């Protein structure tokens, strides 16, 4: 059932569901999340069952503030600096888990680290404060499907298994959080996301490392599977020309060659704004899926949020896992 995220009665009912080990879909500034009590193994198992998610893929623990995060994890000085600079916000930090954190091993996929963040969304923070504990909350969609940026997207994928979907309108950022891990003073970028590389490097004065910790078969953080965010249609990236009958995800003011032959077109940002493009990416994939057998994607710049957009599109275009 979709209910307003700004209705206090809906928040109270959501807390009751969560406290009983149930699932609630909650808005965040990135995408909508499928929330459960991160301390309750059975509740976390319901997330995996609802999503059809591989159990080796860890979840992000959402907390209300940095103080709550410190109760769950140990922060080195650089991780602490990043948290203080960018929380609340679209940043997830992978940090060592405290032995007395009380988190379900299923939520952390049995790892000795935890992925944790403070969302920058008033409804998410209100829910976290009212619940009084960490919420494991991956994106509220079937595993591998396009992430949801509206309550209606959640209802389409999971409406039969989620009793409460808190609706706060479209997600402002539109792509998942950036995930970082600090190892021996080096900042590793585990997933590009809603916080740009440039802002992080501007704060720290050091370059992010993008190799060394990645393993798509045994991820240490969410969003590292090679094939993810996948529509049913095939996805072609950085195309110079649209094939007849293809759907098109365009970007910028100049139509791609062959656009007139496209079955349908969504321009992520006619003015070439990467923030606008990120916010509309997943909705565009959902809109065009099923319109044609393939989706052509115009070139997206690499800088700023373009890095996160290109990452999601590359995973959408990757070969599907067998089985």
C-alpha atoms as a PDB file:
ATOM      1  CA  UNK A   1       0.000   0.000   0.000  1.00  0.00           C
ATOM      2  CA  UNK A   2       1.356   3.424  -0.968  1.00  0.00           C
ATOM      3  CA  UNK A   3       1.133   6.001   1.796  1.00  0.00           C
ATOM      4  CA  UNK A   4       2.519   9.499   2.212  1.00  0.00           C
ATOM      5  CA  UNK A   5       6.001   9.510   3.733  1.00  0.00           C
ATOM      6  CA  UNK A   6       5.120  12.786   5.460  1.00  0.00           C
ATOM      7  CA  UNK A   7       2.103  11.342   7.279  1.00  0.00           C
ATOM      8  CA  UNK A   8       2.991  10.710  10.934  1.00  0.00           C
ATOM      9  CA  UNK A   9       0.466   7.879  11.136  1.00  0.00           C
ATOM     10  CA  UNK A  10       2.156   6.196   8.161  1.00  0.00           C
ATOM     11  CA  UNK A  11       5.554   6.519   9.867  1.00  0.00           C
ATOM     12  CA  UNK A  12       4.154   4.975  13.061  1.00  0.00           C
ATOM     13  CA  UNK A  13       2.629   2.108  11.105  1.00  0.00           C
ATOM     14  CA  UNK A  14       5.904   1.601   9.238  1.00  0.00           C
ATOM     15  CA  UNK A  15       7.796   1.380  12.542  1.00  0.00           C
ATOM     16  CA  UNK A  16       5.328  -1.257  13.748  1.00  0.00           C
ATOM     17  CA  UNK A  17       5.916  -3.321  10.594  1.00  0.00           C
ATOM     18  CA  UNK A  18       9.706  -2.999  10.921  1.00  0.00           C
ATOM     19  CA  UNK A  19       9.660  -3.853  14.624  1.00  0.00           C
ATOM     20  CA  UNK A  20       7.723  -7.021  13.807  1.00  0.00           C
ATOM     21  CA  UNK A  21      10.373  -8.075  11.294  1.00  0.00           C
ATOM     22  CA  UNK A  22       8.534  -6.893   8.195  1.00  0.00           C
ATOM     23  CA  UNK A  23       9.508  -4.869   5.139  1.00  0.00           C
ATOM     24  CA  UNK A  24       8.867  -1.202   4.344  1.00  0.00           C
ATOM     25  CA  UNK A  25       9.815   0.694   1.189  1.00  0.00           C
ATOM     26  CA  UNK A  26      11.263   4.076   2.085  1.00  0.00           C
ATOM     27  CA  UNK A  27      12.302   7.080   0.005  1.00  0.00           C
ATOM     28  CA  UNK A  28      15.856   8.377   0.060  1.00  0.00           C
ATOM     29  CA  UNK A  29      17.557  11.086  -1.951  1.00  0.00           C
ATOM     30  CA  UNK A  30      19.221   8.418  -4.143  1.00  0.00           C
ATOM     31  CA  UNK A  31      16.598   5.733  -4.893  1.00  0.00           C
ATOM     32  CA  UNK A  32      13.799   4.061  -2.967  1.00  0.00           C
ATOM     33  CA  UNK A  33      15.046   1.449  -0.495  1.00  0.00           C
ATOM     34  CA  UNK A  34      13.566  -1.817   0.760  1.00  0.00           C
ATOM     35  CA  UNK A  35      14.042  -1.493   4.513  1.00  0.00           C
ATOM     36  CA  UNK A  36      14.201  -4.063   7.304  1.00  0.00           C
ATOM     37  CA  UNK A  37      15.701  -4.195  10.780  1.00  0.00           C
ATOM     38  CA  UNK A  38      19.428  -4.746  10.153  1.00  0.00           C
ATOM     39  CA  UNK A  39      19.729  -6.525  13.513  1.00  0.00           C
ATOM     40  CA  UNK A  40      17.048  -9.115  12.742  1.00  0.00           C
ATOM     41  CA  UNK A  41      18.289 -12.003  10.598  1.00  0.00           C
ATOM     42  CA  UNK A  42      14.794 -13.164   9.649  1.00  0.00           C
ATOM     43  CA  UNK A  43      13.816  -9.640   8.616  1.00  0.00           C
ATOM     44  CA  UNK A  44      16.953  -9.296   6.485  1.00  0.00           C
ATOM     45  CA  UNK A  45      16.239 -12.690   4.933  1.00  0.00           C
ATOM     46  CA  UNK A  46      12.883 -11.310   3.828  1.00  0.00           C
ATOM     47  CA  UNK A  47      14.734  -8.606   1.858  1.00  0.00           C
ATOM     48  CA  UNK A  48      16.730 -11.247  -0.001  1.00  0.00           C
ATOM     49  CA  UNK A  49      13.616 -13.331  -0.623  1.00  0.00           C
ATOM     50  CA  UNK A  50      11.600 -10.360  -1.897  1.00  0.00           C
ATOM     51  CA  UNK A  51      14.380  -9.197  -4.202  1.00  0.00           C
ATOM     52  CA  UNK A  52      15.661 -12.606  -5.273  1.00  0.00           C
ATOM     53  CA  UNK A  53      19.075 -11.191  -4.302  1.00  0.00           C
ATOM     54  CA  UNK A  54      22.285 -13.306  -4.155  1.00  0.00           C
ATOM     55  CA  UNK A  55      23.069 -13.774  -0.472  1.00  0.00           C
ATOM     56  CA  UNK A  56      26.766 -13.023  -0.906  1.00  0.00           C
ATOM     57  CA  UNK A  57      25.857  -9.463  -1.868  1.00  0.00           C
ATOM     58  CA  UNK A  58      26.017  -7.266   1.295  1.00  0.00           C
ATOM     59  CA  UNK A  59      23.491  -4.594   2.201  1.00  0.00           C
ATOM     60  CA  UNK A  60      23.878  -0.960   3.280  1.00  0.00           C
ATOM     61  CA  UNK A  61      22.945  -0.139   6.865  1.00  0.00           C
ATOM     62  CA  UNK A  62      21.142   3.219   7.025  1.00  0.00           C
ATOM     63  CA  UNK A  63      21.376   5.169  10.276  1.00  0.00           C
ATOM     64  CA  UNK A  64      20.036   8.485  11.529  1.00  0.00           C
ATOM     65  CA  UNK A  65      23.353  10.212  12.299  1.00  0.00           C
ATOM     66  CA  UNK A  66      27.094   9.761  12.767  1.00  0.00           C
ATOM     67  CA  UNK A  67      26.663   8.872  16.425  1.00  0.00           C
ATOM     68  CA  UNK A  68      24.488   5.923  15.445  1.00  0.00           C
ATOM     69  CA  UNK A  69      27.083   4.903  12.841  1.00  0.00           C
ATOM     70  CA  UNK A  70      29.839   4.857  15.476  1.00  0.00           C
ATOM     71  CA  UNK A  71      27.835   2.358  17.509  1.00  0.00           C
ATOM     72  CA  UNK A  72      28.095  -0.069  14.607  1.00  0.00           C
ATOM     73  CA  UNK A  73      31.547   0.546  13.124  1.00  0.00           C
ATOM     74  CA  UNK A  74      35.073   1.829  13.749  1.00  0.00           C
ATOM     75  CA  UNK A  75      36.043   4.929  11.764  1.00  0.00           C
ATOM     76  CA  UNK A  76      39.652   5.708  10.918  1.00  0.00           C
ATOM     77  CA  UNK A  77      40.495   9.439  10.749  1.00  0.00           C
ATOM     78  CA  UNK A  78      40.022   9.698   6.965  1.00  0.00           C
ATOM     79  CA  UNK A  79      36.712   7.816   6.975  1.00  0.00           C
ATOM     80  CA  UNK A  80      35.553  10.053   9.808  1.00  0.00           C
ATOM     81  CA  UNK A  81      36.533  13.133   7.807  1.00  0.00           C
ATOM     82  CA  UNK A  82      34.559  11.893   4.801  1.00  0.00           C
ATOM     83  CA  UNK A  83      31.519  11.168   6.962  1.00  0.00           C
ATOM     84  CA  UNK A  84      31.619  14.562   8.629  1.00  0.00           C
ATOM     85  CA  UNK A  85      31.922  16.300   5.256  1.00  0.00           C
ATOM     86  CA  UNK A  86      29.299  14.400   3.262  1.00  0.00           C
ATOM     87  CA  UNK A  87      26.730  12.995   5.711  1.00  0.00           C
ATOM     88  CA  UNK A  88      23.805  13.188   5.468  1.00  0.00           C
ATOM     89  CA  UNK A  89      24.223  12.515   1.771  1.00  0.00           C
ATOM     90  CA  UNK A  90      24.729  10.006  -1.046  1.00  0.00           C
ATOM     91  CA  UNK A  91      27.928   8.503   0.384  1.00  0.00           C
ATOM     92  CA  UNK A  92      28.351   4.978   1.776  1.00  0.00           C
ATOM     93  CA  UNK A  93      31.483   4.069   3.712  1.00  0.00           C
ATOM     94  CA  UNK A  94      32.700   0.494   4.134  1.00  0.00           C
ATOM     95  CA  UNK A  95      34.323   0.354   7.564  1.00  0.00           C
ATOM     96  CA  UNK A  96      35.251  -2.329  10.132  1.00  0.00           C
ATOM     97  CA  UNK A  97      32.226  -3.649  12.001  1.00  0.00           C
ATOM     98  CA  UNK A  98      32.270  -3.498  15.798  1.00  0.00           C
ATOM     99  CA  UNK A  99      32.141  -6.895  17.468  1.00  0.00           C
ATOM    100  CA  UNK A 100      29.149  -5.750  19.530  1.00  0.00           C
ATOM    101  CA  UNK A 101      27.330  -4.012  16.652  1.00  0.00           C
ATOM    102  CA  UNK A 102      24.465  -6.473  16.848  1.00  0.00           C
ATOM    103  CA  UNK A 103      24.015  -6.520  13.062  1.00  0.00           C
ATOM    104  CA  UNK A 104      22.728  -9.619  11.346  1.00  0.00           C
ATOM    105  CA  UNK A 105      25.523 -11.535   9.630  1.00  0.00           C
ATOM    106  CA  UNK A 106      23.178 -11.827   6.670  1.00  0.00           C
ATOM    107  CA  UNK A 107      23.094  -8.034   6.325  1.00  0.00           C
ATOM    108  CA  UNK A 108      26.889  -7.894   6.040  1.00  0.00           C
ATOM    109  CA  UNK A 109      27.157 -11.116   3.998  1.00  0.00           C
ATOM    110  CA  UNK A 110      29.362 -12.563   6.739  1.00  0.00           C
ATOM    111  CA  UNK A 111      32.045  -9.906   6.274  1.00  0.00           C
ATOM    112  CA  UNK A 112      33.928  -8.161   9.090  1.00  0.00           C
ATOM    113  CA  UNK A 113      33.031  -4.815   7.534  1.00  0.00           C
ATOM    114  CA  UNK A 114      29.743  -2.948   7.193  1.00  0.00           C
ATOM    115  CA  UNK A 115      28.566  -0.587   4.460  1.00  0.00           C
ATOM    116  CA  UNK A 116      26.893   2.334   6.200  1.00  0.00           C
ATOM    117  CA  UNK A 117      25.413   5.740   5.410  1.00  0.00           C
ATOM    118  CA  UNK A 118      23.188   8.565   6.670  1.00  0.00           C
ATOM    119  CA  UNK A 119      20.606   9.448   3.994  1.00  0.00           C
ATOM    120  CA  UNK A 120      19.836  13.082   3.172  1.00  0.00           C
ATOM    121  CA  UNK A 121      16.068  12.755   3.037  1.00  0.00           C
ATOM    122  CA  UNK A 122      13.673  14.087   5.683  1.00  0.00           C
ATOM    123  CA  UNK A 123      11.287  11.144   5.442  1.00  0.00           C
ATOM    124  CA  UNK A 124      14.082   8.555   5.670  1.00  0.00           C
ATOM    125  CA  UNK A 125      15.591  10.353   8.667  1.00  0.00           C
ATOM    126  CA  UNK A 126      12.178  10.587  10.331  1.00  0.00           C
ATOM    127  CA  UNK A 127      11.651   6.847   9.880  1.00  0.00           C
ATOM    128  CA  UNK A 128      15.136   6.036  11.195  1.00  0.00           C
ATOM    129  CA  UNK A 129      14.673   8.278  14.220  1.00  0.00           C
ATOM    130  CA  UNK A 130      11.261   6.797  15.006  1.00  0.00           C
ATOM    131  CA  UNK A 131      12.534   3.231  14.566  1.00  0.00           C
ATOM    132  CA  UNK A 132      15.604   3.859  16.708  1.00  0.00           C
ATOM    133  CA  UNK A 133      17.959   1.444  14.977  1.00  0.00           C
ATOM    134  CA  UNK A 134      19.796   0.644  11.734  1.00  0.00           C
ATOM    135  CA  UNK A 135      17.808  -0.295   8.660  1.00  0.00           C
ATOM    136  CA  UNK A 136      19.255  -2.517   5.961  1.00  0.00           C
ATOM    137  CA  UNK A 137      17.869  -1.020   2.768  1.00  0.00           C
ATOM    138  CA  UNK A 138      18.982  -2.028  -0.733  1.00  0.00           C
ATOM    139  CA  UNK A 139      17.080  -0.623  -3.689  1.00  0.00           C
ATOM    140  CA  UNK A 140      13.395  -1.614  -3.598  1.00  0.00           C
ATOM    141  CA  UNK A 141      13.262  -3.670  -6.789  1.00  0.00           C
ATOM    142  CA  UNK A 142      13.742  -7.233  -7.946  1.00  0.00           C
ATOM    143  CA  UNK A 143      17.445  -8.049  -7.980  1.00  0.00           C
ATOM    144  CA  UNK A 144      19.064  -7.040 -11.255  1.00  0.00           C
ATOM    145  CA  UNK A 145      16.089  -4.935 -12.342  1.00  0.00           C
ATOM    146  CA  UNK A 146      16.186  -1.191 -12.831  1.00  0.00           C
ATOM    147  CA  UNK A 147      16.311   0.666  -9.509  1.00  0.00           C
ATOM    148  CA  UNK A 148      13.152   2.527  -8.404  1.00  0.00           C
ATOM    149  CA  UNK A 149      12.998   6.306  -8.186  1.00  0.00           C
ATOM    150  CA  UNK A 150       9.261   6.596  -7.462  1.00  0.00           C
ATOM    151  CA  UNK A 151       6.809   4.781  -5.208  1.00  0.00           C
ATOM    152  CA  UNK A 152       5.008   3.538  -8.327  1.00  0.00           C
ATOM    153  CA  UNK A 153       8.204   1.803  -9.483  1.00  0.00           C
ATOM    154  CA  UNK A 154       8.362  -0.015  -6.144  1.00  0.00           C
ATOM    155  CA  UNK A 155       4.730  -1.041  -6.371  1.00  0.00           C
ATOM    156  CA  UNK A 156       5.311  -2.494  -9.852  1.00  0.00           C
ATOM    157  CA  UNK A 157       8.182  -4.708  -8.666  1.00  0.00           C
ATOM    158  CA  UNK A 158       7.334  -5.484  -5.054  1.00  0.00           C
ATOM    159  CA  UNK A 159       3.795  -4.307  -4.335  1.00  0.00           C
ATOM    160  CA  UNK A 160       2.614  -7.811  -3.448  1.00  0.00           C
ATOM    161  CA  UNK A 161       5.244  -8.376  -0.735  1.00  0.00           C
ATOM    162  CA  UNK A 162       5.724  -4.921   0.829  1.00  0.00           C
ATOM    163  CA  UNK A 163       2.835  -3.854   3.079  1.00  0.00           C
ATOM    164  CA  UNK A 164       3.834  -0.162   3.243  1.00  0.00           C
ATOM    165  CA  UNK A 165       5.466   1.933   0.515  1.00  0.00           C
ATOM    166  CA  UNK A 166       6.244   5.414   1.810  1.00  0.00           C
ATOM    167  CA  UNK A 167       5.817   7.911  -1.015  1.00  0.00           C
ATOM    168  CA  UNK A 168       7.792  11.167  -1.099  1.00  0.00           C
ATOM    169  CA  UNK A 169       7.772  11.791  -4.850  1.00  0.00           C
ATOM    170  CA  UNK A 170      10.647  11.227  -7.287  1.00  0.00           C
ATOM    171  CA  UNK A 171      14.139  10.700  -5.871  1.00  0.00           C
ATOM    172  CA  UNK A 172      16.216  13.858  -6.176  1.00  0.00           C
ATOM    173  CA  UNK A 173      19.572  12.234  -6.989  1.00  0.00           C
ATOM    174  CA  UNK A 174      18.311   9.247  -8.958  1.00  0.00           C
ATOM    175  CA  UNK A 175      21.387   6.990  -8.751  1.00  0.00           C
ATOM    176  CA  UNK A 176      22.623   5.057  -5.739  1.00  0.00           C
ATOM    177  CA  UNK A 177      25.186   6.328  -3.279  1.00  0.00           C
ATOM    178  CA  UNK A 178      28.907   6.455  -3.954  1.00  0.00           C
ATOM    179  CA  UNK A 179      30.692   3.707  -2.000  1.00  0.00           C
ATOM    180  CA  UNK A 180      34.186   4.246  -0.596  1.00  0.00           C
ATOM    181  CA  UNK A 181      36.554   2.177   1.511  1.00  0.00           C
ATOM    182  CA  UNK A 182      39.695   3.538   3.137  1.00  0.00           C
ATOM    183  CA  UNK A 183      42.573   1.053   3.347  1.00  0.00           C
ATOM    184  CA  UNK A 184      45.917   2.190   4.795  1.00  0.00           C
ATOM    185  CA  UNK A 185      45.130   5.813   4.010  1.00  0.00           C
ATOM    186  CA  UNK A 186      44.118   5.112   0.404  1.00  0.00           C
ATOM    187  CA  UNK A 187      40.528   5.809  -0.668  1.00  0.00           C
ATOM    188  CA  UNK A 188      39.104   3.060  -2.871  1.00  0.00           C
ATOM    189  CA  UNK A 189      36.087   3.834  -5.047  1.00  0.00           C
ATOM    190  CA  UNK A 190      33.956   0.689  -4.870  1.00  0.00           C
ATOM    191  CA  UNK A 191      30.950   2.159  -6.671  1.00  0.00           C
ATOM    192  CA  UNK A 192      30.510   5.476  -8.432  1.00  0.00           C
ATOM    193  CA  UNK A 193      27.319   7.199  -7.362  1.00  0.00           C
ATOM    194  CA  UNK A 194      25.536  10.349  -6.304  1.00  0.00           C
ATOM    195  CA  UNK A 195      28.624  11.979  -4.772  1.00  0.00           C
ATOM    196  CA  UNK A 196      31.105  12.847  -7.504  1.00  0.00           C
ATOM    197  CA  UNK A 197      34.771  11.909  -7.574  1.00  0.00           C
ATOM    198  CA  UNK A 198      35.658  15.576  -7.968  1.00  0.00           C
ATOM    199  CA  UNK A 199      34.028  16.567  -4.669  1.00  0.00           C
ATOM    200  CA  UNK A 200      35.733  13.757  -2.774  1.00  0.00           C
ATOM    201  CA  UNK A 201      39.145  14.438  -4.258  1.00  0.00           C
ATOM    202  CA  UNK A 202      38.640  18.160  -3.690  1.00  0.00           C
ATOM    203  CA  UNK A 203      38.100  17.554   0.017  1.00  0.00           C
ATOM    204  CA  UNK A 204      40.923  15.088   0.567  1.00  0.00           C
ATOM    205  CA  UNK A 205      43.482  16.295  -1.962  1.00  0.00           C
ATOM    206  CA  UNK A 206      44.124  12.692  -3.034  1.00  0.00           C
ATOM    207  CA  UNK A 207      43.046  10.658  -6.057  1.00  0.00           C
ATOM    208  CA  UNK A 208      40.580   7.808  -5.659  1.00  0.00           C
ATOM    209  CA  UNK A 209      41.803   4.313  -6.473  1.00  0.00           C
ATOM    210  CA  UNK A 210      39.425   2.273  -8.603  1.00  0.00           C
ATOM    211  CA  UNK A 211      41.248  -1.076  -8.671  1.00  0.00           C
ATOM    212  CA  UNK A 212      42.396  -3.587  -6.120  1.00  0.00           C
ATOM    213  CA  UNK A 213      39.284  -4.406  -4.074  1.00  0.00           C
ATOM    214  CA  UNK A 214      36.738  -5.257  -6.766  1.00  0.00           C
ATOM    215  CA  UNK A 215      35.522  -8.833  -7.222  1.00  0.00           C
ATOM    216  CA  UNK A 216      32.166  -9.198  -8.994  1.00  0.00           C
ATOM    217  CA  UNK A 217      31.916 -12.812  -7.792  1.00  0.00           C
ATOM    218  CA  UNK A 218      32.520 -11.895  -4.121  1.00  0.00           C
ATOM    219  CA  UNK A 219      31.579  -8.242  -3.630  1.00  0.00           C
ATOM    220  CA  UNK A 220      32.630  -6.374  -0.477  1.00  0.00           C
ATOM    221  CA  UNK A 221      29.963  -3.732  -1.072  1.00  0.00           C
ATOM    222  CA  UNK A 222      26.582  -3.460  -2.822  1.00  0.00           C
ATOM    223  CA  UNK A 223      26.344  -2.698  -6.530  1.00  0.00           C
ATOM    224  CA  UNK A 224      29.506  -4.504  -7.627  1.00  0.00           C
ATOM    225  CA  UNK A 225      27.875  -7.309  -9.597  1.00  0.00           C
ATOM    226  CA  UNK A 226      28.925  -7.125 -13.247  1.00  0.00           C
ATOM    227  CA  UNK A 227      25.348  -7.360 -14.507  1.00  0.00           C
ATOM    228  CA  UNK A 228      22.919  -5.145 -12.644  1.00  0.00           C
ATOM    229  CA  UNK A 229      20.195  -2.511 -13.172  1.00  0.00           C
ATOM    230  CA  UNK A 230      19.202  -4.526 -16.222  1.00  0.00           C
ATOM    231  CA  UNK A 231      16.110  -3.981 -18.384  1.00  0.00           C
ATOM    232  CA  UNK A 232      14.855  -6.870 -20.515  1.00  0.00           C
ATOM    233  CA  UNK A 233      15.945  -5.044 -23.671  1.00  0.00           C
ATOM    234  CA  UNK A 234      19.556  -5.157 -24.835  1.00  0.00           C
ATOM    235  CA  UNK A 235      21.472  -1.930 -24.196  1.00  0.00           C
ATOM    236  CA  UNK A 236      24.010  -0.386 -26.621  1.00  0.00           C
ATOM    237  CA  UNK A 237      26.294   2.295 -25.203  1.00  0.00           C
ATOM    238  CA  UNK A 238      28.031   5.337 -26.705  1.00  0.00           C
ATOM    239  CA  UNK A 239      26.258   4.925 -30.022  1.00  0.00           C
ATOM    240  CA  UNK A 240      26.910   7.275 -32.912  1.00  0.00           C
ATOM    241  CA  UNK A 241      23.768   6.306 -34.817  1.00  0.00           C
ATOM    242  CA  UNK A 242      20.410   4.833 -33.867  1.00  0.00           C
ATOM    243  CA  UNK A 243      19.315   1.711 -35.680  1.00  0.00           C
ATOM    244  CA  UNK A 244      15.776   1.669 -37.127  1.00  0.00           C
ATOM    245  CA  UNK A 245      13.254   0.583 -34.524  1.00  0.00           C
ATOM    246  CA  UNK A 246      15.529   0.974 -31.511  1.00  0.00           C
ATOM    247  CA  UNK A 247      14.540   2.965 -28.456  1.00  0.00           C
ATOM    248  CA  UNK A 248      16.879   5.839 -27.643  1.00  0.00           C
ATOM    249  CA  UNK A 249      18.228   7.368 -24.453  1.00  0.00           C
ATOM    250  CA  UNK A 250      19.604  10.700 -25.647  1.00  0.00           C
ATOM    251  CA  UNK A 251      21.591  13.423 -23.878  1.00  0.00           C
ATOM    252  CA  UNK A 252      22.141  17.035 -24.766  1.00  0.00           C
ATOM    253  CA  UNK A 253      20.651  19.508 -27.230  1.00  0.00           C
ATOM    254  CA  UNK A 254      21.737  17.842 -30.475  1.00  0.00           C
ATOM    255  CA  UNK A 255      19.698  14.812 -31.620  1.00  0.00           C
ATOM    256  CA  UNK A 256      21.695  11.664 -32.313  1.00  0.00           C
ATOM    257  CA  UNK A 257      22.013  10.562 -35.925  1.00  0.00           C
ATOM    258  CA  UNK A 258      19.094   8.333 -36.859  1.00  0.00           C
ATOM    259  CA  UNK A 259      16.962   9.547 -33.946  1.00  0.00           C
ATOM    260  CA  UNK A 260      14.032  10.049 -36.306  1.00  0.00           C
ATOM    261  CA  UNK A 261      13.943   6.263 -36.806  1.00  0.00           C
ATOM    262  CA  UNK A 262      13.765   5.494 -33.084  1.00  0.00           C
ATOM    263  CA  UNK A 263      10.729   3.682 -31.709  1.00  0.00           C
ATOM    264  CA  UNK A 264      10.740   6.007 -28.688  1.00  0.00           C
ATOM    265  CA  UNK A 265      13.081   8.620 -27.236  1.00  0.00           C
ATOM    266  CA  UNK A 266      13.844   9.839 -23.736  1.00  0.00           C
ATOM    267  CA  UNK A 267      16.369  12.674 -23.472  1.00  0.00           C
ATOM    268  CA  UNK A 268      17.944  12.569 -20.014  1.00  0.00           C
ATOM    269  CA  UNK A 269      18.745  16.276 -20.208  1.00  0.00           C
ATOM    270  CA  UNK A 270      18.224  18.350 -23.350  1.00  0.00           C
ATOM    271  CA  UNK A 271      20.400  21.067 -21.802  1.00  0.00           C
ATOM    272  CA  UNK A 272      23.235  18.651 -21.034  1.00  0.00           C
ATOM    273  CA  UNK A 273      22.907  18.761 -17.229  1.00  0.00           C
ATOM    274  CA  UNK A 274      24.385  15.622 -15.628  1.00  0.00           C
ATOM    275  CA  UNK A 275      22.497  16.146 -12.368  1.00  0.00           C
ATOM    276  CA  UNK A 276      19.203  16.164 -14.267  1.00  0.00           C
ATOM    277  CA  UNK A 277      20.361  13.150 -16.280  1.00  0.00           C
ATOM    278  CA  UNK A 278      21.198  11.114 -13.184  1.00  0.00           C
ATOM    279  CA  UNK A 279      17.836  11.852 -11.611  1.00  0.00           C
ATOM    280  CA  UNK A 280      15.994  10.563 -14.683  1.00  0.00           C
ATOM    281  CA  UNK A 281      18.194   7.603 -15.670  1.00  0.00           C
ATOM    282  CA  UNK A 282      16.331   4.693 -14.074  1.00  0.00           C
ATOM    283  CA  UNK A 283      12.935   6.088 -14.999  1.00  0.00           C
ATOM    284  CA  UNK A 284      14.122   6.300 -18.619  1.00  0.00           C
ATOM    285  CA  UNK A 285      15.239   2.664 -18.615  1.00  0.00           C
ATOM    286  CA  UNK A 286      11.883   1.601 -17.206  1.00  0.00           C
ATOM    287  CA  UNK A 287       9.955   3.728 -19.722  1.00  0.00           C
ATOM    288  CA  UNK A 288      11.791   2.321 -22.732  1.00  0.00           C
ATOM    289  CA  UNK A 289      11.997  -1.300 -21.616  1.00  0.00           C
ATOM    290  CA  UNK A 290       9.600  -3.319 -23.752  1.00  0.00           C
ATOM    291  CA  UNK A 291       9.230  -0.602 -26.378  1.00  0.00           C
ATOM    292  CA  UNK A 292      11.932  -2.203 -28.536  1.00  0.00           C
ATOM    293  CA  UNK A 293      14.311  -5.162 -28.433  1.00  0.00           C
ATOM    294  CA  UNK A 294      17.267  -2.844 -27.859  1.00  0.00           C
ATOM    295  CA  UNK A 295      17.953   0.559 -26.325  1.00  0.00           C
ATOM    296  CA  UNK A 296      20.600   2.804 -27.866  1.00  0.00           C
ATOM    297  CA  UNK A 297      22.332   5.212 -25.497  1.00  0.00           C
ATOM    298  CA  UNK A 298      23.995   8.425 -26.604  1.00  0.00           C
ATOM    299  CA  UNK A 299      27.504   9.187 -25.284  1.00  0.00           C
ATOM    300  CA  UNK A 300      27.501  10.471 -21.701  1.00  0.00           C
ATOM    301  CA  UNK A 301      30.390  12.654 -20.448  1.00  0.00           C
ATOM    302  CA  UNK A 302      32.783  11.039 -17.971  1.00  0.00           C
ATOM    303  CA  UNK A 303      33.055  13.908 -15.503  1.00  0.00           C
ATOM    304  CA  UNK A 304      30.936  14.617 -12.418  1.00  0.00           C
ATOM    305  CA  UNK A 305      27.852  12.414 -12.100  1.00  0.00           C
ATOM    306  CA  UNK A 306      28.578  11.153 -15.606  1.00  0.00           C
ATOM    307  CA  UNK A 307      30.857   8.570 -14.004  1.00  0.00           C
ATOM    308  CA  UNK A 308      27.969   7.122 -11.992  1.00  0.00           C
ATOM    309  CA  UNK A 309      25.581   7.262 -14.966  1.00  0.00           C
ATOM    310  CA  UNK A 310      28.072   5.433 -17.195  1.00  0.00           C
ATOM    311  CA  UNK A 311      28.672   2.827 -14.465  1.00  0.00           C
ATOM    312  CA  UNK A 312      24.942   2.034 -14.216  1.00  0.00           C
ATOM    313  CA  UNK A 313      24.568   1.891 -17.985  1.00  0.00           C
ATOM    314  CA  UNK A 314      27.585  -0.418 -18.336  1.00  0.00           C
ATOM    315  CA  UNK A 315      26.044  -2.821 -15.810  1.00  0.00           C
ATOM    316  CA  UNK A 316      22.695  -2.604 -17.596  1.00  0.00           C
ATOM    317  CA  UNK A 317      24.446  -3.523 -20.843  1.00  0.00           C
ATOM    318  CA  UNK A 318      26.522  -6.384 -19.388  1.00  0.00           C
ATOM    319  CA  UNK A 319      25.788 -10.011 -20.324  1.00  0.00           C
ATOM    320  CA  UNK A 320      23.091 -11.472 -18.079  1.00  0.00           C
ATOM    321  CA  UNK A 321      24.152 -14.175 -15.610  1.00  0.00           C
ATOM    322  CA  UNK A 322      23.035 -17.672 -16.591  1.00  0.00           C
ATOM    323  CA  UNK A 323      20.579 -19.639 -14.530  1.00  0.00           C
END
